[in-house]
């Protein structure tokens, strides 16, 4: 499956935050686990109508959707997730970003503690949105690195499953929850949508814990990208890494070339969307995603 996810639906929203939220409601995740949280199981059947109403008139929509996007993608993602839980699914959030203290130092944080009204239980949700690029190793294996190569899919998965999702078992957390009159045990949930970017010139092995329907893109080095036809590429800046991109103007080839030069000169990876023009609407729609990285990466 490429980066195009139900684009007919998602591209029907003109407000970026609502388009991003619509993507969040249906995006496949990067971890298959018994504790993976699947919003589609709890969203109301008419949730798309709610999003369309907000898109037509943003004033009655949750205030978080009108705030300027935060610079850090993780914070913006958390904001969208809060709207998803509270305003679409209808679950009260009991705690959010609650730090866990031990002997005066912070030993962790709870992303969300929510009341699952449908199943009548308290849940602890740990969330992340991730983008990983597959690098083939000499032994034939594949390591999946984030654009910041200190981040790795296998390490993040282990941390989520074995540490972050189990923080409510700590004595310090149990005491913290009791202060808010929350008694356990809590049901752990993880939510990690995102993309895997496959190398453009060699095979890569997908981890067995990644669902088959995960979103895919490609990655390549800047010197290889320069040899490609990039006339249909556009630069994707945060927060538009979330959701499918579309625009009414043709791709700006000069802007794309400048971005490729920055990758080489400043050694900073850059995400691009590959576009095509829809003959009916004449809008330009995303059909693929490409991460371009400097020669020194990872």
C-alpha atoms as a PDB file:
ATOM      1  CA  UNK A   1       0.000   0.000   0.000  1.00  0.00           C
ATOM      2  CA  UNK A   2       1.477   3.400  -0.909  1.00  0.00           C
ATOM      3  CA  UNK A   3       1.175   6.687   0.926  1.00  0.00           C
ATOM      4  CA  UNK A   4      -2.254   7.350  -0.563  1.00  0.00           C
ATOM      5  CA  UNK A   5      -4.799   6.492   2.144  1.00  0.00           C
ATOM      6  CA  UNK A   6      -8.474   6.938   1.238  1.00  0.00           C
ATOM      7  CA  UNK A   7      -7.437  10.195  -0.407  1.00  0.00           C
ATOM      8  CA  UNK A   8     -10.888  10.809  -1.869  1.00  0.00           C
ATOM      9  CA  UNK A   9     -12.248  11.160   1.655  1.00  0.00           C
ATOM     10  CA  UNK A  10      -9.305  12.892   3.305  1.00  0.00           C
ATOM     11  CA  UNK A  11      -8.765  15.387   0.480  1.00  0.00           C
ATOM     12  CA  UNK A  12     -12.380  16.490   0.762  1.00  0.00           C
ATOM     13  CA  UNK A  13     -11.489  18.457   3.913  1.00  0.00           C
ATOM     14  CA  UNK A  14     -10.138  21.966   3.395  1.00  0.00           C
ATOM     15  CA  UNK A  15      -9.066  22.627   6.998  1.00  0.00           C
ATOM     16  CA  UNK A  16      -5.611  21.049   7.480  1.00  0.00           C
ATOM     17  CA  UNK A  17      -6.184  20.022  11.112  1.00  0.00           C
ATOM     18  CA  UNK A  18      -9.423  18.246  10.200  1.00  0.00           C
ATOM     19  CA  UNK A  19      -7.735  16.534   7.256  1.00  0.00           C
ATOM     20  CA  UNK A  20      -4.988  15.365   9.628  1.00  0.00           C
ATOM     21  CA  UNK A  21      -7.581  14.181  12.150  1.00  0.00           C
ATOM     22  CA  UNK A  22      -9.441  12.239   9.447  1.00  0.00           C
ATOM     23  CA  UNK A  23      -6.184  10.498   8.558  1.00  0.00           C
ATOM     24  CA  UNK A  24      -5.635   9.643  12.230  1.00  0.00           C
ATOM     25  CA  UNK A  25      -9.050   7.975  12.442  1.00  0.00           C
ATOM     26  CA  UNK A  26      -8.174   5.346   9.826  1.00  0.00           C
ATOM     27  CA  UNK A  27      -4.379   5.184   9.488  1.00  0.00           C
ATOM     28  CA  UNK A  28      -2.806   1.713   9.811  1.00  0.00           C
ATOM     29  CA  UNK A  29      -0.282   1.315  12.600  1.00  0.00           C
ATOM     30  CA  UNK A  30       3.322   0.175  12.710  1.00  0.00           C
ATOM     31  CA  UNK A  31       2.848  -2.355  15.524  1.00  0.00           C
ATOM     32  CA  UNK A  32       0.568  -5.369  15.590  1.00  0.00           C
ATOM     33  CA  UNK A  33      -0.059  -6.316  19.213  1.00  0.00           C
ATOM     34  CA  UNK A  34      -2.964  -7.441  21.409  1.00  0.00           C
ATOM     35  CA  UNK A  35      -2.822  -4.030  23.104  1.00  0.00           C
ATOM     36  CA  UNK A  36      -2.903  -1.941  19.900  1.00  0.00           C
ATOM     37  CA  UNK A  37      -5.730   0.606  20.029  1.00  0.00           C
ATOM     38  CA  UNK A  38      -7.869   0.690  16.863  1.00  0.00           C
ATOM     39  CA  UNK A  39     -10.057   3.854  16.793  1.00  0.00           C
ATOM     40  CA  UNK A  40     -12.359   2.449  14.082  1.00  0.00           C
ATOM     41  CA  UNK A  41     -13.765  -0.004  16.622  1.00  0.00           C
ATOM     42  CA  UNK A  42     -15.065   2.868  18.744  1.00  0.00           C
ATOM     43  CA  UNK A  43     -15.710   5.777  16.369  1.00  0.00           C
ATOM     44  CA  UNK A  44     -19.384   6.563  15.754  1.00  0.00           C
ATOM     45  CA  UNK A  45     -20.655   5.493  12.338  1.00  0.00           C
ATOM     46  CA  UNK A  46     -21.310   9.139  11.402  1.00  0.00           C
ATOM     47  CA  UNK A  47     -17.911  10.504  12.454  1.00  0.00           C
ATOM     48  CA  UNK A  48     -17.132  11.610   8.868  1.00  0.00           C
ATOM     49  CA  UNK A  49     -20.299  13.755   8.934  1.00  0.00           C
ATOM     50  CA  UNK A  50     -19.059  15.374  12.154  1.00  0.00           C
ATOM     51  CA  UNK A  51     -15.724  16.181  10.500  1.00  0.00           C
ATOM     52  CA  UNK A  52     -17.469  17.601   7.434  1.00  0.00           C
ATOM     53  CA  UNK A  53     -19.626  19.846   9.621  1.00  0.00           C
ATOM     54  CA  UNK A  54     -16.531  21.137  11.441  1.00  0.00           C
ATOM     55  CA  UNK A  55     -14.821  21.682   8.108  1.00  0.00           C
ATOM     56  CA  UNK A  56     -17.731  23.805   6.839  1.00  0.00           C
ATOM     57  CA  UNK A  57     -17.848  25.853  10.048  1.00  0.00           C
ATOM     58  CA  UNK A  58     -14.822  25.649  12.338  1.00  0.00           C
ATOM     59  CA  UNK A  59     -16.365  27.727  15.159  1.00  0.00           C
ATOM     60  CA  UNK A  60     -18.374  24.897  16.816  1.00  0.00           C
ATOM     61  CA  UNK A  61     -15.429  22.525  16.373  1.00  0.00           C
ATOM     62  CA  UNK A  62     -13.092  21.760  19.299  1.00  0.00           C
ATOM     63  CA  UNK A  63     -10.865  24.761  19.993  1.00  0.00           C
ATOM     64  CA  UNK A  64      -7.738  22.620  19.685  1.00  0.00           C
ATOM     65  CA  UNK A  65      -8.375  22.319  15.933  1.00  0.00           C
ATOM     66  CA  UNK A  66      -8.196  26.093  15.495  1.00  0.00           C
ATOM     67  CA  UNK A  67      -4.939  26.615  17.352  1.00  0.00           C
ATOM     68  CA  UNK A  68      -1.761  27.103  15.276  1.00  0.00           C
ATOM     69  CA  UNK A  69       0.138  23.813  14.846  1.00  0.00           C
ATOM     70  CA  UNK A  70       2.933  23.328  17.347  1.00  0.00           C
ATOM     71  CA  UNK A  71       6.435  23.158  15.955  1.00  0.00           C
ATOM     72  CA  UNK A  72       7.086  19.677  17.298  1.00  0.00           C
ATOM     73  CA  UNK A  73       5.055  17.085  15.428  1.00  0.00           C
ATOM     74  CA  UNK A  74       4.620  14.918  18.526  1.00  0.00           C
ATOM     75  CA  UNK A  75       2.839  17.693  20.427  1.00  0.00           C
ATOM     76  CA  UNK A  76       0.540  18.396  17.484  1.00  0.00           C
ATOM     77  CA  UNK A  77      -0.190  14.672  17.159  1.00  0.00           C
ATOM     78  CA  UNK A  78      -1.120  14.532  20.861  1.00  0.00           C
ATOM     79  CA  UNK A  79      -3.528  17.419  20.339  1.00  0.00           C
ATOM     80  CA  UNK A  80      -5.273  15.600  17.484  1.00  0.00           C
ATOM     81  CA  UNK A  81      -5.431  12.416  19.555  1.00  0.00           C
ATOM     82  CA  UNK A  82      -7.102  14.327  22.377  1.00  0.00           C
ATOM     83  CA  UNK A  83      -9.825  15.524  19.988  1.00  0.00           C
ATOM     84  CA  UNK A  84     -10.179  11.979  18.638  1.00  0.00           C
ATOM     85  CA  UNK A  85     -10.771  10.560  22.125  1.00  0.00           C
ATOM     86  CA  UNK A  86     -12.846  13.345  23.672  1.00  0.00           C
ATOM     87  CA  UNK A  87     -14.853  14.822  20.829  1.00  0.00           C
ATOM     88  CA  UNK A  88     -15.250  11.992  18.315  1.00  0.00           C
ATOM     89  CA  UNK A  89     -15.265   8.841  20.452  1.00  0.00           C
ATOM     90  CA  UNK A  90     -16.623  10.610  23.544  1.00  0.00           C
ATOM     91  CA  UNK A  91     -14.310   9.294  26.249  1.00  0.00           C
ATOM     92  CA  UNK A  92     -13.368  11.485  29.214  1.00  0.00           C
ATOM     93  CA  UNK A  93      -9.621  12.064  29.599  1.00  0.00           C
ATOM     94  CA  UNK A  94      -8.725  11.605  33.258  1.00  0.00           C
ATOM     95  CA  UNK A  95      -4.997  12.429  33.013  1.00  0.00           C
ATOM     96  CA  UNK A  96      -2.769  13.726  30.215  1.00  0.00           C
ATOM     97  CA  UNK A  97       1.037  13.990  30.090  1.00  0.00           C
ATOM     98  CA  UNK A  98       1.186  13.156  33.786  1.00  0.00           C
ATOM     99  CA  UNK A  99       4.756  12.933  35.061  1.00  0.00           C
ATOM    100  CA  UNK A 100       5.698  10.104  37.426  1.00  0.00           C
ATOM    101  CA  UNK A 101       8.029  11.134  40.258  1.00  0.00           C
ATOM    102  CA  UNK A 102      10.289   9.037  42.452  1.00  0.00           C
ATOM    103  CA  UNK A 103      12.501  10.581  45.155  1.00  0.00           C
ATOM    104  CA  UNK A 104      12.209  13.984  43.539  1.00  0.00           C
ATOM    105  CA  UNK A 105      13.095  12.929  39.984  1.00  0.00           C
ATOM    106  CA  UNK A 106      10.929  12.166  36.961  1.00  0.00           C
ATOM    107  CA  UNK A 107      11.028   8.473  36.011  1.00  0.00           C
ATOM    108  CA  UNK A 108       8.416   8.554  33.256  1.00  0.00           C
ATOM    109  CA  UNK A 109       5.174  10.027  31.978  1.00  0.00           C
ATOM    110  CA  UNK A 110       1.674   8.789  31.214  1.00  0.00           C
ATOM    111  CA  UNK A 111       0.458  10.034  27.832  1.00  0.00           C
ATOM    112  CA  UNK A 112      -3.285   9.548  28.390  1.00  0.00           C
ATOM    113  CA  UNK A 113      -5.457   7.923  31.047  1.00  0.00           C
ATOM    114  CA  UNK A 114      -9.023   7.697  29.746  1.00  0.00           C
ATOM    115  CA  UNK A 115     -12.385   6.222  30.669  1.00  0.00           C
ATOM    116  CA  UNK A 116     -13.423   3.780  27.961  1.00  0.00           C
ATOM    117  CA  UNK A 117     -17.165   4.362  28.245  1.00  0.00           C
ATOM    118  CA  UNK A 118     -18.146   1.557  25.870  1.00  0.00           C
ATOM    119  CA  UNK A 119     -16.320  -1.165  27.805  1.00  0.00           C
ATOM    120  CA  UNK A 120     -16.572   0.689  31.144  1.00  0.00           C
ATOM    121  CA  UNK A 121     -12.911   0.505  32.047  1.00  0.00           C
ATOM    122  CA  UNK A 122      -9.994   2.857  32.612  1.00  0.00           C
ATOM    123  CA  UNK A 123      -7.273   2.667  29.972  1.00  0.00           C
ATOM    124  CA  UNK A 124      -3.706   3.922  29.756  1.00  0.00           C
ATOM    125  CA  UNK A 125      -2.778   4.998  26.195  1.00  0.00           C
ATOM    126  CA  UNK A 126       0.807   5.504  25.034  1.00  0.00           C
ATOM    127  CA  UNK A 127       1.010   7.093  21.597  1.00  0.00           C
ATOM    128  CA  UNK A 128       3.558   8.065  18.946  1.00  0.00           C
ATOM    129  CA  UNK A 129       3.625   8.915  15.245  1.00  0.00           C
ATOM    130  CA  UNK A 130       6.702   7.564  13.498  1.00  0.00           C
ATOM    131  CA  UNK A 131       8.514   7.566  10.171  1.00  0.00           C
ATOM    132  CA  UNK A 132      11.228   4.955   9.630  1.00  0.00           C
ATOM    133  CA  UNK A 133      13.639   4.331   6.753  1.00  0.00           C
ATOM    134  CA  UNK A 134      14.889   0.794   6.100  1.00  0.00           C
ATOM    135  CA  UNK A 135      18.667   0.287   5.834  1.00  0.00           C
ATOM    136  CA  UNK A 136      20.021  -3.064   4.669  1.00  0.00           C
ATOM    137  CA  UNK A 137      22.814  -4.442   6.846  1.00  0.00           C
ATOM    138  CA  UNK A 138      25.762  -6.551   5.679  1.00  0.00           C
ATOM    139  CA  UNK A 139      24.231  -9.667   7.264  1.00  0.00           C
ATOM    140  CA  UNK A 140      21.082  -9.285   5.135  1.00  0.00           C
ATOM    141  CA  UNK A 141      18.908  -7.877   7.914  1.00  0.00           C
ATOM    142  CA  UNK A 142      17.186  -4.485   7.809  1.00  0.00           C
ATOM    143  CA  UNK A 143      17.326  -1.809  10.487  1.00  0.00           C
ATOM    144  CA  UNK A 144      14.620   0.851  10.422  1.00  0.00           C
ATOM    145  CA  UNK A 145      15.892   4.310  11.405  1.00  0.00           C
ATOM    146  CA  UNK A 146      14.028   7.550  11.943  1.00  0.00           C
ATOM    147  CA  UNK A 147      15.154  10.670  10.029  1.00  0.00           C
ATOM    148  CA  UNK A 148      16.998  11.324  13.282  1.00  0.00           C
ATOM    149  CA  UNK A 149      18.970   8.079  13.191  1.00  0.00           C
ATOM    150  CA  UNK A 150      19.123   7.826  16.995  1.00  0.00           C
ATOM    151  CA  UNK A 151      15.487   6.675  16.755  1.00  0.00           C
ATOM    152  CA  UNK A 152      14.945   3.072  15.610  1.00  0.00           C
ATOM    153  CA  UNK A 153      11.768   1.058  15.082  1.00  0.00           C
ATOM    154  CA  UNK A 154      12.910  -2.041  16.980  1.00  0.00           C
ATOM    155  CA  UNK A 155      14.024   0.014  19.983  1.00  0.00           C
ATOM    156  CA  UNK A 156      10.831   2.098  20.019  1.00  0.00           C
ATOM    157  CA  UNK A 157       8.648  -1.001  19.734  1.00  0.00           C
ATOM    158  CA  UNK A 158      10.432  -2.709  22.630  1.00  0.00           C
ATOM    159  CA  UNK A 159      10.179   0.453  24.721  1.00  0.00           C
ATOM    160  CA  UNK A 160       6.457   0.846  24.021  1.00  0.00           C
ATOM    161  CA  UNK A 161       5.552  -2.768  24.720  1.00  0.00           C
ATOM    162  CA  UNK A 162       7.848  -3.535  27.638  1.00  0.00           C
ATOM    163  CA  UNK A 163       8.282  -0.204  29.402  1.00  0.00           C
ATOM    164  CA  UNK A 164       5.969   2.662  28.458  1.00  0.00           C
ATOM    165  CA  UNK A 165       2.748   0.632  28.370  1.00  0.00           C
ATOM    166  CA  UNK A 166       3.579  -0.969  31.740  1.00  0.00           C
ATOM    167  CA  UNK A 167       4.215   2.204  33.699  1.00  0.00           C
ATOM    168  CA  UNK A 168       0.908   1.926  35.561  1.00  0.00           C
ATOM    169  CA  UNK A 169       2.328  -1.168  37.291  1.00  0.00           C
ATOM    170  CA  UNK A 170       4.975   0.924  39.092  1.00  0.00           C
ATOM    171  CA  UNK A 171       4.309   1.628  42.798  1.00  0.00           C
ATOM    172  CA  UNK A 172       4.923   5.340  42.144  1.00  0.00           C
ATOM    173  CA  UNK A 173       2.286   5.351  39.395  1.00  0.00           C
ATOM    174  CA  UNK A 174      -0.242   3.452  41.516  1.00  0.00           C
ATOM    175  CA  UNK A 175       0.182   6.073  44.235  1.00  0.00           C
ATOM    176  CA  UNK A 176      -0.134   8.884  41.693  1.00  0.00           C
ATOM    177  CA  UNK A 177      -3.330   7.435  40.246  1.00  0.00           C
ATOM    178  CA  UNK A 178      -4.852   6.968  43.677  1.00  0.00           C
ATOM    179  CA  UNK A 179      -4.460  10.719  44.282  1.00  0.00           C
ATOM    180  CA  UNK A 180      -6.873  11.196  41.382  1.00  0.00           C
ATOM    181  CA  UNK A 181      -9.141   8.430  42.736  1.00  0.00           C
ATOM    182  CA  UNK A 182      -8.164   6.109  39.879  1.00  0.00           C
ATOM    183  CA  UNK A 183      -7.810   2.502  40.932  1.00  0.00           C
ATOM    184  CA  UNK A 184      -6.322  -0.278  38.848  1.00  0.00           C
ATOM    185  CA  UNK A 185      -5.555  -2.376  37.126  1.00  0.00           C
ATOM    186  CA  UNK A 186      -5.638  -0.191  34.036  1.00  0.00           C
ATOM    187  CA  UNK A 187      -5.871  -1.617  30.507  1.00  0.00           C
ATOM    188  CA  UNK A 188      -2.764  -0.731  28.478  1.00  0.00           C
ATOM    189  CA  UNK A 189      -3.170   0.532  24.908  1.00  0.00           C
ATOM    190  CA  UNK A 190      -0.631   1.694  22.317  1.00  0.00           C
ATOM    191  CA  UNK A 191      -1.273   3.744  19.182  1.00  0.00           C
ATOM    192  CA  UNK A 192       1.528   4.268  16.668  1.00  0.00           C
ATOM    193  CA  UNK A 193       0.561   5.143  13.089  1.00  0.00           C
ATOM    194  CA  UNK A 194       3.193   6.202  10.579  1.00  0.00           C
ATOM    195  CA  UNK A 195       5.127   5.148   7.488  1.00  0.00           C
ATOM    196  CA  UNK A 196       7.913   2.789   6.553  1.00  0.00           C
ATOM    197  CA  UNK A 197      10.133   4.123   3.760  1.00  0.00           C
ATOM    198  CA  UNK A 198      11.773   1.414   1.672  1.00  0.00           C
ATOM    199  CA  UNK A 199      15.161   1.911  -0.017  1.00  0.00           C
ATOM    200  CA  UNK A 200      14.763   2.828  -3.655  1.00  0.00           C
ATOM    201  CA  UNK A 201      17.590   0.614  -4.921  1.00  0.00           C
ATOM    202  CA  UNK A 202      17.613  -2.543  -2.792  1.00  0.00           C
ATOM    203  CA  UNK A 203      15.258  -4.928  -0.952  1.00  0.00           C
ATOM    204  CA  UNK A 204      14.328  -4.459   2.691  1.00  0.00           C
ATOM    205  CA  UNK A 205      12.844  -6.856   5.238  1.00  0.00           C
ATOM    206  CA  UNK A 206       9.681  -5.710   6.986  1.00  0.00           C
ATOM    207  CA  UNK A 207       9.611  -6.645  10.697  1.00  0.00           C
ATOM    208  CA  UNK A 208       7.109  -9.393  11.455  1.00  0.00           C
ATOM    209  CA  UNK A 209       5.351  -7.249  14.060  1.00  0.00           C
ATOM    210  CA  UNK A 210       4.475  -4.578  11.455  1.00  0.00           C
ATOM    211  CA  UNK A 211       0.984  -5.101   9.949  1.00  0.00           C
ATOM    212  CA  UNK A 212       0.888  -5.922   6.243  1.00  0.00           C
ATOM    213  CA  UNK A 213      -1.326  -2.908   5.495  1.00  0.00           C
ATOM    214  CA  UNK A 214       1.172  -0.359   6.853  1.00  0.00           C
ATOM    215  CA  UNK A 215       1.735   2.824   4.876  1.00  0.00           C
ATOM    216  CA  UNK A 216       4.801   2.858   2.638  1.00  0.00           C
ATOM    217  CA  UNK A 217       7.056   5.347   0.961  1.00  0.00           C
ATOM    218  CA  UNK A 218      10.548   5.326  -0.572  1.00  0.00           C
ATOM    219  CA  UNK A 219      13.855   6.840   0.466  1.00  0.00           C
ATOM    220  CA  UNK A 220      17.034   7.676  -1.420  1.00  0.00           C
ATOM    221  CA  UNK A 221      20.238   9.673  -1.083  1.00  0.00           C
ATOM    222  CA  UNK A 222      20.316  13.253  -2.352  1.00  0.00           C
ATOM    223  CA  UNK A 223      22.836  12.476  -5.111  1.00  0.00           C
ATOM    224  CA  UNK A 224      20.472   9.785  -6.440  1.00  0.00           C
ATOM    225  CA  UNK A 225      17.457  12.097  -6.217  1.00  0.00           C
ATOM    226  CA  UNK A 226      19.230  14.623  -8.427  1.00  0.00           C
ATOM    227  CA  UNK A 227      19.310  12.041 -11.212  1.00  0.00           C
ATOM    228  CA  UNK A 228      15.528  11.523 -10.970  1.00  0.00           C
ATOM    229  CA  UNK A 229      12.679  13.410 -12.595  1.00  0.00           C
ATOM    230  CA  UNK A 230      11.497  15.470  -9.607  1.00  0.00           C
ATOM    231  CA  UNK A 231       9.161  17.753 -11.572  1.00  0.00           C
ATOM    232  CA  UNK A 232       6.135  16.234  -9.814  1.00  0.00           C
ATOM    233  CA  UNK A 233       7.614  16.497  -6.304  1.00  0.00           C
ATOM    234  CA  UNK A 234       6.643  18.985  -3.598  1.00  0.00           C
ATOM    235  CA  UNK A 235       8.269  19.632  -0.228  1.00  0.00           C
ATOM    236  CA  UNK A 236       6.316  18.301   2.751  1.00  0.00           C
ATOM    237  CA  UNK A 237       6.902  20.259   5.949  1.00  0.00           C
ATOM    238  CA  UNK A 238       5.533  19.433   9.389  1.00  0.00           C
ATOM    239  CA  UNK A 239       2.708  19.134  10.376  1.00  0.00           C
ATOM    240  CA  UNK A 240       1.817  17.965   6.857  1.00  0.00           C
ATOM    241  CA  UNK A 241       3.770  14.762   7.355  1.00  0.00           C
ATOM    242  CA  UNK A 242       0.391  13.722   8.790  1.00  0.00           C
ATOM    243  CA  UNK A 243      -2.253  12.849   6.233  1.00  0.00           C
ATOM    244  CA  UNK A 244      -2.362  13.012   2.476  1.00  0.00           C
ATOM    245  CA  UNK A 245      -1.211  16.224   0.809  1.00  0.00           C
ATOM    246  CA  UNK A 246      -3.043  17.987  -1.988  1.00  0.00           C
ATOM    247  CA  UNK A 247      -2.773  21.428  -3.556  1.00  0.00           C
ATOM    248  CA  UNK A 248      -4.402  23.476  -6.282  1.00  0.00           C
ATOM    249  CA  UNK A 249      -1.167  24.777  -7.848  1.00  0.00           C
ATOM    250  CA  UNK A 250       1.302  22.743  -9.923  1.00  0.00           C
ATOM    251  CA  UNK A 251       4.500  21.593  -8.161  1.00  0.00           C
ATOM    252  CA  UNK A 252       7.162  24.291  -7.804  1.00  0.00           C
ATOM    253  CA  UNK A 253      10.242  22.681  -9.343  1.00  0.00           C
ATOM    254  CA  UNK A 254      12.534  25.488  -8.195  1.00  0.00           C
ATOM    255  CA  UNK A 255      11.410  25.033  -4.591  1.00  0.00           C
ATOM    256  CA  UNK A 256      12.052  21.296  -4.875  1.00  0.00           C
ATOM    257  CA  UNK A 257      15.575  21.830  -6.219  1.00  0.00           C
ATOM    258  CA  UNK A 258      16.358  24.284  -3.417  1.00  0.00           C
ATOM    259  CA  UNK A 259      15.180  21.696  -0.867  1.00  0.00           C
ATOM    260  CA  UNK A 260      17.400  19.016  -2.427  1.00  0.00           C
ATOM    261  CA  UNK A 261      20.371  21.389  -2.174  1.00  0.00           C
ATOM    262  CA  UNK A 262      19.599  21.968   1.514  1.00  0.00           C
ATOM    263  CA  UNK A 263      19.647  18.223   2.133  1.00  0.00           C
ATOM    264  CA  UNK A 264      23.152  18.025   0.690  1.00  0.00           C
ATOM    265  CA  UNK A 265      24.515  21.240   2.197  1.00  0.00           C
ATOM    266  CA  UNK A 266      22.963  21.076   5.660  1.00  0.00           C
ATOM    267  CA  UNK A 267      22.809  17.272   6.025  1.00  0.00           C
ATOM    268  CA  UNK A 268      19.133  17.355   7.054  1.00  0.00           C
ATOM    269  CA  UNK A 269      16.681  14.729   5.670  1.00  0.00           C
ATOM    270  CA  UNK A 270      13.659  16.111   3.815  1.00  0.00           C
ATOM    271  CA  UNK A 271      10.285  14.560   3.029  1.00  0.00           C
ATOM    272  CA  UNK A 272       8.682  15.036  -0.391  1.00  0.00           C
ATOM    273  CA  UNK A 273       5.285  14.115  -1.830  1.00  0.00           C
ATOM    274  CA  UNK A 274       5.032  12.848  -5.393  1.00  0.00           C
ATOM    275  CA  UNK A 275       1.979  14.420  -7.018  1.00  0.00           C
ATOM    276  CA  UNK A 276      -0.350  13.840  -9.934  1.00  0.00           C
ATOM    277  CA  UNK A 277      -3.102  16.060 -11.274  1.00  0.00           C
ATOM    278  CA  UNK A 278      -6.676  14.863 -10.928  1.00  0.00           C
ATOM    279  CA  UNK A 279      -8.368  15.413 -14.276  1.00  0.00           C
ATOM    280  CA  UNK A 280     -11.786  16.107 -12.761  1.00  0.00           C
ATOM    281  CA  UNK A 281     -10.903  18.558  -9.998  1.00  0.00           C
ATOM    282  CA  UNK A 282      -7.561  19.698 -11.487  1.00  0.00           C
ATOM    283  CA  UNK A 283      -6.157  19.453  -7.944  1.00  0.00           C
ATOM    284  CA  UNK A 284      -2.738  17.914  -7.428  1.00  0.00           C
ATOM    285  CA  UNK A 285      -2.947  14.784  -5.249  1.00  0.00           C
ATOM    286  CA  UNK A 286      -0.250  12.860  -3.379  1.00  0.00           C
ATOM    287  CA  UNK A 287       0.463   9.429  -4.844  1.00  0.00           C
ATOM    288  CA  UNK A 288       3.736   8.547  -3.103  1.00  0.00           C
ATOM    289  CA  UNK A 289       6.227   9.817  -0.515  1.00  0.00           C
ATOM    290  CA  UNK A 290       9.994  10.046  -0.755  1.00  0.00           C
ATOM    291  CA  UNK A 291      12.477  10.800   2.006  1.00  0.00           C
ATOM    292  CA  UNK A 292      15.736  12.233   0.667  1.00  0.00           C
ATOM    293  CA  UNK A 293      18.731  11.982   2.983  1.00  0.00           C
ATOM    294  CA  UNK A 294      22.331  13.306   2.887  1.00  0.00           C
ATOM    295  CA  UNK A 295      25.192  10.991   1.966  1.00  0.00           C
ATOM    296  CA  UNK A 296      26.328  10.820   5.605  1.00  0.00           C
ATOM    297  CA  UNK A 297      22.978   9.414   6.846  1.00  0.00           C
ATOM    298  CA  UNK A 298      22.474   7.375   9.040  1.00  0.00           C
END
